Amino acid sequence: MTRRIWRSGGRSGTEWRSVAAVMVREGWSVYDIEQDVQGREWARDRGARRYRAVVRHVARQQERQDARD
C-alpha cells in the first residue's frame, strides 16, 4: 500500500515522515494527537528551541543597537 504524505517546504516534510512512521508502526489509520506522546514531546522541544532562538536573536539585536548608540 502506498501512502502519500502531505509535504510543505522546509523541515516539516521530515516531521511528517516521522509522524507517518509512527502511524505505521502503531497501526493507526488516522492521526490522533492524544495518542502521539512522542510527537507531543517533539513539539514541546521544538517550541522550547524556538523560544531560545528568539531570545538569543533579541539579545543580539539589542547588543548591535547598543553598539551603534
PDB file of N, CA and C in Angstrom:
ATOM      1  N   MET A   1       0.848  -1.178   0.000  1.00  0.00           N
ATOM      2  CA  MET A   1       0.000   0.000   0.000  1.00  0.00           C
ATOM      3  C   MET A   1       0.891   1.238   0.000  1.00  0.00           C
ATOM      4  N   THR A   2       0.637   2.145  -0.896  1.00  0.00           N
ATOM      5  CA  THR A   2       1.407   3.379  -0.988  1.00  0.00           C
ATOM      6  C   THR A   2       0.726   4.447  -0.153  1.00  0.00           C
ATOM      7  N   ARG A   3       1.522   5.125   0.657  1.00  0.00           N
ATOM      8  CA  ARG A   3       0.973   6.200   1.483  1.00  0.00           C
ATOM      9  C   ARG A   3       1.499   7.526   0.965  1.00  0.00           C
ATOM     10  N   ARG A   4       0.605   8.489   0.851  1.00  0.00           N
ATOM     11  CA  ARG A   4       1.013   9.831   0.468  1.00  0.00           C
ATOM     12  C   ARG A   4       1.082  10.686   1.717  1.00  0.00           C
ATOM     13  N   ILE A   5       2.109  11.458   1.812  1.00  0.00           N
ATOM     14  CA  ILE A   5       2.315  12.307   2.972  1.00  0.00           C
ATOM     15  C   ILE A   5       2.300  13.753   2.495  1.00  0.00           C
ATOM     16  N   TRP A   6       1.482  14.573   3.148  1.00  0.00           N
ATOM     17  CA  TRP A   6       1.446  15.988   2.831  1.00  0.00           C
ATOM     18  C   TRP A   6       2.803  16.586   3.123  1.00  0.00           C
ATOM     19  N   ARG A   7       3.307  17.376   2.201  1.00  0.00           N
ATOM     20  CA  ARG A   7       4.616  17.992   2.407  1.00  0.00           C
ATOM     21  C   ARG A   7       4.536  19.469   2.077  1.00  0.00           C
ATOM     22  N   SER A   8       5.191  20.232   2.905  1.00  0.00           N
ATOM     23  CA  SER A   8       5.398  21.638   2.580  1.00  0.00           C
ATOM     24  C   SER A   8       6.895  21.833   2.631  1.00  0.00           C
ATOM     25  N   GLY A   9       7.334  23.027   2.391  1.00  0.00           N
ATOM     26  CA  GLY A   9       8.766  23.279   2.371  1.00  0.00           C
ATOM     27  C   GLY A   9       9.422  23.135   3.733  1.00  0.00           C
ATOM     28  N   GLY A  10      10.725  23.143   3.735  1.00  0.00           N
ATOM     29  CA  GLY A  10      11.490  23.144   4.984  1.00  0.00           C
ATOM     30  C   GLY A  10      11.490  21.820   5.703  1.00  0.00           C
ATOM     31  N   ARG A  11      11.638  21.893   7.007  1.00  0.00           N
ATOM     32  CA  ARG A  11      11.777  20.702   7.830  1.00  0.00           C
ATOM     33  C   ARG A  11      10.477  19.946   8.049  1.00  0.00           C
ATOM     34  N   SER A  12       9.348  20.564   7.757  1.00  0.00           N
ATOM     35  CA  SER A  12       8.079  19.904   8.061  1.00  0.00           C
ATOM     36  C   SER A  12       7.916  18.604   7.287  1.00  0.00           C
ATOM     37  N   GLY A  13       8.553  18.481   6.109  1.00  0.00           N
ATOM     38  CA  GLY A  13       8.495  17.221   5.373  1.00  0.00           C
ATOM     39  C   GLY A  13       9.088  16.094   6.191  1.00  0.00           C
ATOM     40  N   THR A  14      10.183  16.369   6.850  1.00  0.00           N
ATOM     41  CA  THR A  14      10.817  15.380   7.723  1.00  0.00           C
ATOM     42  C   THR A  14       9.900  15.053   8.889  1.00  0.00           C
ATOM     43  N   GLU A  15       9.282  16.059   9.444  1.00  0.00           N
ATOM     44  CA  GLU A  15       8.381  15.842  10.574  1.00  0.00           C
ATOM     45  C   GLU A  15       7.200  14.964  10.163  1.00  0.00           C
ATOM     46  N   TRP A  16       6.633  15.218   8.999  1.00  0.00           N
ATOM     47  CA  TRP A  16       5.501  14.411   8.556  1.00  0.00           C
ATOM     48  C   TRP A  16       5.915  12.986   8.253  1.00  0.00           C
ATOM     49  N   ARG A  17       7.142  12.801   7.754  1.00  0.00           N
ATOM     50  CA  ARG A  17       7.621  11.428   7.551  1.00  0.00           C
ATOM     51  C   ARG A  17       7.745  10.719   8.888  1.00  0.00           C
ATOM     52  N   SER A  18       8.189  11.429   9.913  1.00  0.00           N
ATOM     53  CA  SER A  18       8.273  10.841  11.254  1.00  0.00           C
ATOM     54  C   SER A  18       6.895  10.477  11.783  1.00  0.00           C
ATOM     55  N   VAL A  19       5.936  11.357  11.571  1.00  0.00           N
ATOM     56  CA  VAL A  19       4.564  11.088  12.008  1.00  0.00           C
ATOM     57  C   VAL A  19       4.021   9.867  11.265  1.00  0.00           C
ATOM     58  N   ALA A  20       4.261   9.813   9.969  1.00  0.00           N
ATOM     59  CA  ALA A  20       3.780   8.669   9.184  1.00  0.00           C
ATOM     60  C   ALA A  20       4.413   7.374   9.682  1.00  0.00           C
ATOM     61  N   ALA A  21       5.698   7.423  10.031  1.00  0.00           N
ATOM     62  CA  ALA A  21       6.372   6.233  10.539  1.00  0.00           C
ATOM     63  C   ALA A  21       5.744   5.764  11.851  1.00  0.00           C
ATOM     64  N   VAL A  22       5.420   6.703  12.724  1.00  0.00           N
ATOM     65  CA  VAL A  22       4.763   6.357  13.993  1.00  0.00           C
ATOM     66  C   VAL A  22       3.400   5.728  13.701  1.00  0.00           C
ATOM     67  N   MET A  23       2.645   6.322  12.775  1.00  0.00           N
ATOM     68  CA  MET A  23       1.321   5.799  12.453  1.00  0.00           C
ATOM     69  C   MET A  23       1.399   4.370  11.936  1.00  0.00           C
ATOM     70  N   VAL A  24       2.360   4.109  11.052  1.00  0.00           N
ATOM     71  CA  VAL A  24       2.513   2.765  10.501  1.00  0.00           C
ATOM     72  C   VAL A  24       2.932   1.795  11.605  1.00  0.00           C
ATOM     73  N   ARG A  25       3.913   2.204  12.397  1.00  0.00           N
ATOM     74  CA  ARG A  25       4.423   1.343  13.469  1.00  0.00           C
ATOM     75  C   ARG A  25       3.333   0.998  14.479  1.00  0.00           C
ATOM     76  N   GLU A  26       2.503   1.979  14.815  1.00  0.00           N
ATOM     77  CA  GLU A  26       1.465   1.774  15.829  1.00  0.00           C
ATOM     78  C   GLU A  26       0.155   1.242  15.248  1.00  0.00           C
ATOM     79  N   GLY A  27       0.067   1.176  13.918  1.00  0.00           N
ATOM     80  CA  GLY A  27      -1.141   0.651  13.290  1.00  0.00           C
ATOM     81  C   GLY A  27      -2.316   1.619  13.294  1.00  0.00           C
ATOM     82  N   TRP A  28      -2.049   2.915  13.342  1.00  0.00           N
ATOM     83  CA  TRP A  28      -3.125   3.913  13.337  1.00  0.00           C
ATOM     84  C   TRP A  28      -3.613   4.129  11.915  1.00  0.00           C
ATOM     85  N   SER A  29      -4.906   4.195  11.732  1.00  0.00           N
ATOM     86  CA  SER A  29      -5.434   4.519  10.406  1.00  0.00           C
ATOM     87  C   SER A  29      -5.616   6.030  10.260  1.00  0.00           C
ATOM     88  N   VAL A  30      -5.770   6.710  11.379  1.00  0.00           N
ATOM     89  CA  VAL A  30      -5.882   8.173  11.393  1.00  0.00           C
ATOM     90  C   VAL A  30      -4.982   8.729  12.479  1.00  0.00           C
ATOM     91  N   TYR A  31      -4.445   9.907  12.235  1.00  0.00           N
ATOM     92  CA  TYR A  31      -3.576  10.532  13.227  1.00  0.00           C
ATOM     93  C   TYR A  31      -4.409  11.066  14.384  1.00  0.00           C
ATOM     94  N   ASP A  32      -3.989  10.760  15.591  1.00  0.00           N
ATOM     95  CA  ASP A  32      -4.661  11.255  16.788  1.00  0.00           C
ATOM     96  C   ASP A  32      -3.601  11.816  17.726  1.00  0.00           C
ATOM     97  N   ILE A  33      -3.605  13.126  17.903  1.00  0.00           N
ATOM     98  CA  ILE A  33      -2.576  13.769  18.714  1.00  0.00           C
ATOM     99  C   ILE A  33      -2.570  13.247  20.154  1.00  0.00           C
ATOM    100  N   GLU A  34      -3.726  12.837  20.644  1.00  0.00           N
ATOM    101  CA  GLU A  34      -3.787  12.312  22.018  1.00  0.00           C
ATOM    102  C   GLU A  34      -2.985  11.024  22.161  1.00  0.00           C
ATOM    103  N   GLN A  35      -2.885  10.252  21.099  1.00  0.00           N
ATOM    104  CA  GLN A  35      -2.106   9.014  21.140  1.00  0.00           C
ATOM    105  C   GLN A  35      -0.626   9.263  20.895  1.00  0.00           C
ATOM    106  N   ASP A  36      -0.294  10.366  20.263  1.00  0.00           N
ATOM    107  CA  ASP A  36       1.075  10.624  19.815  1.00  0.00           C
ATOM    108  C   ASP A  36       1.905  11.285  20.910  1.00  0.00           C
ATOM    109  N   VAL A  37       2.298  10.501  21.889  1.00  0.00           N
ATOM    110  CA  VAL A  37       3.092  11.015  23.005  1.00  0.00           C
ATOM    111  C   VAL A  37       4.432  11.543  22.496  1.00  0.00           C
ATOM    112  N   GLN A  38       5.088  10.786  21.628  1.00  0.00           N
ATOM    113  CA  GLN A  38       6.386  11.203  21.106  1.00  0.00           C
ATOM    114  C   GLN A  38       6.260  12.501  20.317  1.00  0.00           C
ATOM    115  N   GLY A  39       5.221  12.616  19.507  1.00  0.00           N
ATOM    116  CA  GLY A  39       5.012  13.832  18.725  1.00  0.00           C
ATOM    117  C   GLY A  39       4.780  15.049  19.600  1.00  0.00           C
ATOM    118  N   ARG A  40       4.038  14.866  20.691  1.00  0.00           N
ATOM    119  CA  ARG A  40       3.821  15.983  21.615  1.00  0.00           C
ATOM    120  C   ARG A  40       5.122  16.390  22.271  1.00  0.00           C
ATOM    121  N   GLU A  41       5.973  15.416  22.613  1.00  0.00           N
ATOM    122  CA  GLU A  41       7.288  15.744  23.189  1.00  0.00           C
ATOM    123  C   GLU A  41       8.137  16.505  22.186  1.00  0.00           C
ATOM    124  N   TRP A  42       8.133  16.039  20.923  1.00  0.00           N
ATOM    125  CA  TRP A  42       8.896  16.739  19.884  1.00  0.00           C
ATOM    126  C   TRP A  42       8.392  18.166  19.724  1.00  0.00           C
ATOM    127  N   ALA A  43       7.088  18.353  19.742  1.00  0.00           N
ATOM    128  CA  ALA A  43       6.514  19.697  19.588  1.00  0.00           C
ATOM    129  C   ALA A  43       6.919  20.590  20.754  1.00  0.00           C
ATOM    130  N   ARG A  44       6.894  20.039  21.966  1.00  0.00           N
ATOM    131  CA  ARG A  44       7.304  20.805  23.143  1.00  0.00           C
ATOM    132  C   ARG A  44       8.782  21.212  23.026  1.00  0.00           C
ATOM    133  N   ASP A  45       9.624  20.259  22.622  1.00  0.00           N
ATOM    134  CA  ASP A  45      11.054  20.546  22.450  1.00  0.00           C
ATOM    135  C   ASP A  45      11.276  21.585  21.359  1.00  0.00           C
ATOM    136  N   ARG A  46      10.534  21.456  20.258  1.00  0.00           N
ATOM    137  CA  ARG A  46      10.663  22.406  19.154  1.00  0.00           C
ATOM    138  C   ARG A  46      10.263  23.803  19.614  1.00  0.00           C
ATOM    139  N   GLY A  47       9.198  23.892  20.392  1.00  0.00           N
ATOM    140  CA  GLY A  47       8.763  25.182  20.919  1.00  0.00           C
ATOM    141  C   GLY A  47       9.810  25.798  21.835  1.00  0.00           C
ATOM    142  N   ALA A  48      10.430  24.971  22.667  1.00  0.00           N
ATOM    143  CA  ALA A  48      11.470  25.474  23.576  1.00  0.00           C
ATOM    144  C   ALA A  48      12.689  25.941  22.776  1.00  0.00           C
ATOM    145  N   ARG A  49      13.073  25.188  21.740  1.00  0.00           N
ATOM    146  CA  ARG A  49      14.218  25.607  20.905  1.00  0.00           C
ATOM    147  C   ARG A  49      13.914  26.919  20.203  1.00  0.00           C
ATOM    148  N   ARG A  50      12.698  27.042  19.696  1.00  0.00           N
ATOM    149  CA  ARG A  50      12.292  28.275  19.017  1.00  0.00           C
ATOM    150  C   ARG A  50      12.345  29.463  19.973  1.00  0.00           C
ATOM    151  N   TYR A  51      11.838  29.260  21.172  1.00  0.00           N
ATOM    152  CA  TYR A  51      11.838  30.326  22.177  1.00  0.00           C
ATOM    153  C   TYR A  51      13.270  30.770  22.483  1.00  0.00           C
ATOM    154  N   ARG A  52      14.170  29.801  22.705  1.00  0.00           N
ATOM    155  CA  ARG A  52      15.570  30.153  22.999  1.00  0.00           C
ATOM    156  C   ARG A  52      16.213  30.892  21.825  1.00  0.00           C
ATOM    157  N   ALA A  53      15.884  30.483  20.600  1.00  0.00           N
ATOM    158  CA  ALA A  53      16.434  31.154  19.422  1.00  0.00           C
ATOM    159  C   ALA A  53      15.953  32.601  19.351  1.00  0.00           C
ATOM    160  N   VAL A  54      14.696  32.832  19.655  1.00  0.00           N
ATOM    161  CA  VAL A  54      14.158  34.198  19.632  1.00  0.00           C
ATOM    162  C   VAL A  54      14.827  35.046  20.716  1.00  0.00           C
ATOM    163  N   VAL A  55      15.005  34.483  21.898  1.00  0.00           N
ATOM    164  CA  VAL A  55      15.661  35.211  22.983  1.00  0.00           C
ATOM    165  C   VAL A  55      17.089  35.591  22.571  1.00  0.00           C
ATOM    166  N   ARG A  56      17.831  34.644  21.968  1.00  0.00           N
ATOM    167  CA  ARG A  56      19.194  34.938  21.508  1.00  0.00           C
ATOM    168  C   ARG A  56      19.191  36.024  20.431  1.00  0.00           C
ATOM    169  N   HIS A  57      18.234  35.925  19.517  1.00  0.00           N
ATOM    170  CA  HIS A  57      18.142  36.905  18.438  1.00  0.00           C
ATOM    171  C   HIS A  57      17.872  38.307  18.995  1.00  0.00           C
ATOM    172  N   VAL A  58      16.933  38.412  19.913  1.00  0.00           N
ATOM    173  CA  VAL A  58      16.613  39.706  20.509  1.00  0.00           C
ATOM    174  C   VAL A  58      17.834  40.265  21.244  1.00  0.00           C
ATOM    175  N   ALA A  59      18.558  39.408  21.958  1.00  0.00           N
ATOM    176  CA  ALA A  59      19.755  39.857  22.684  1.00  0.00           C
ATOM    177  C   ALA A  59      20.811  40.374  21.702  1.00  0.00           C
ATOM    178  N   ARG A  60      21.015  39.660  20.588  1.00  0.00           N
ATOM    179  CA  ARG A  60      21.993  40.115  19.581  1.00  0.00           C
ATOM    180  C   ARG A  60      21.580  41.437  18.973  1.00  0.00           C
ATOM    181  N   GLN A  61      20.296  41.563  18.678  1.00  0.00           N
ATOM    182  CA  GLN A  61      19.806  42.817  18.107  1.00  0.00           C
ATOM    183  C   GLN A  61      20.021  43.969  19.085  1.00  0.00           C
ATOM    184  N   GLN A  62      19.759  43.708  20.354  1.00  0.00           N
ATOM    185  CA  GLN A  62      19.946  44.750  21.367  1.00  0.00           C
ATOM    186  C   GLN A  62      21.428  45.127  21.477  1.00  0.00           C
ATOM    187  N   GLU A  63      22.319  44.123  21.442  1.00  0.00           N
ATOM    188  CA  GLU A  63      23.759  44.396  21.500  1.00  0.00           C
ATOM    189  C   GLU A  63      24.180  45.246  20.309  1.00  0.00           C
ATOM    190  N   ARG A  64      23.683  44.919  19.124  1.00  0.00           N
ATOM    191  CA  ARG A  64      24.023  45.716  17.931  1.00  0.00           C
ATOM    192  C   ARG A  64      23.538  47.145  18.075  1.00  0.00           C
ATOM    193  N   GLN A  65      22.306  47.281  18.563  1.00  0.00           N
ATOM    194  CA  GLN A  65      21.757  48.627  18.766  1.00  0.00           C
ATOM    195  C   GLN A  65      22.578  49.398  19.779  1.00  0.00           C
ATOM    196  N   ASP A  66      22.939  48.748  20.882  1.00  0.00           N
ATOM    197  CA  ASP A  66      23.753  49.410  21.909  1.00  0.00           C
ATOM    198  C   ASP A  66      25.114  49.820  21.353  1.00  0.00           C
ATOM    199  N   ALA A  67      25.704  48.979  20.488  1.00  0.00           N
ATOM    200  CA  ALA A  67      27.000  49.295  19.896  1.00  0.00           C
ATOM    201  C   ALA A  67      26.899  50.489  18.960  1.00  0.00           C
ATOM    202  N   ARG A  68      25.773  50.654  18.287  1.00  0.00           N
ATOM    203  CA  ARG A  68      25.577  51.788  17.390  1.00  0.00           C
ATOM    204  C   ARG A  68      25.384  53.096  18.167  1.00  0.00           C
ATOM    205  N   ASP A  69      24.791  52.977  19.346  1.00  0.00           N
ATOM    206  CA  ASP A  69      24.493  54.196  20.131  1.00  0.00           C
ATOM    207  C   ASP A  69      25.689  54.766  20.812  1.00  0.00           C
TER     208      ASP A  69
END
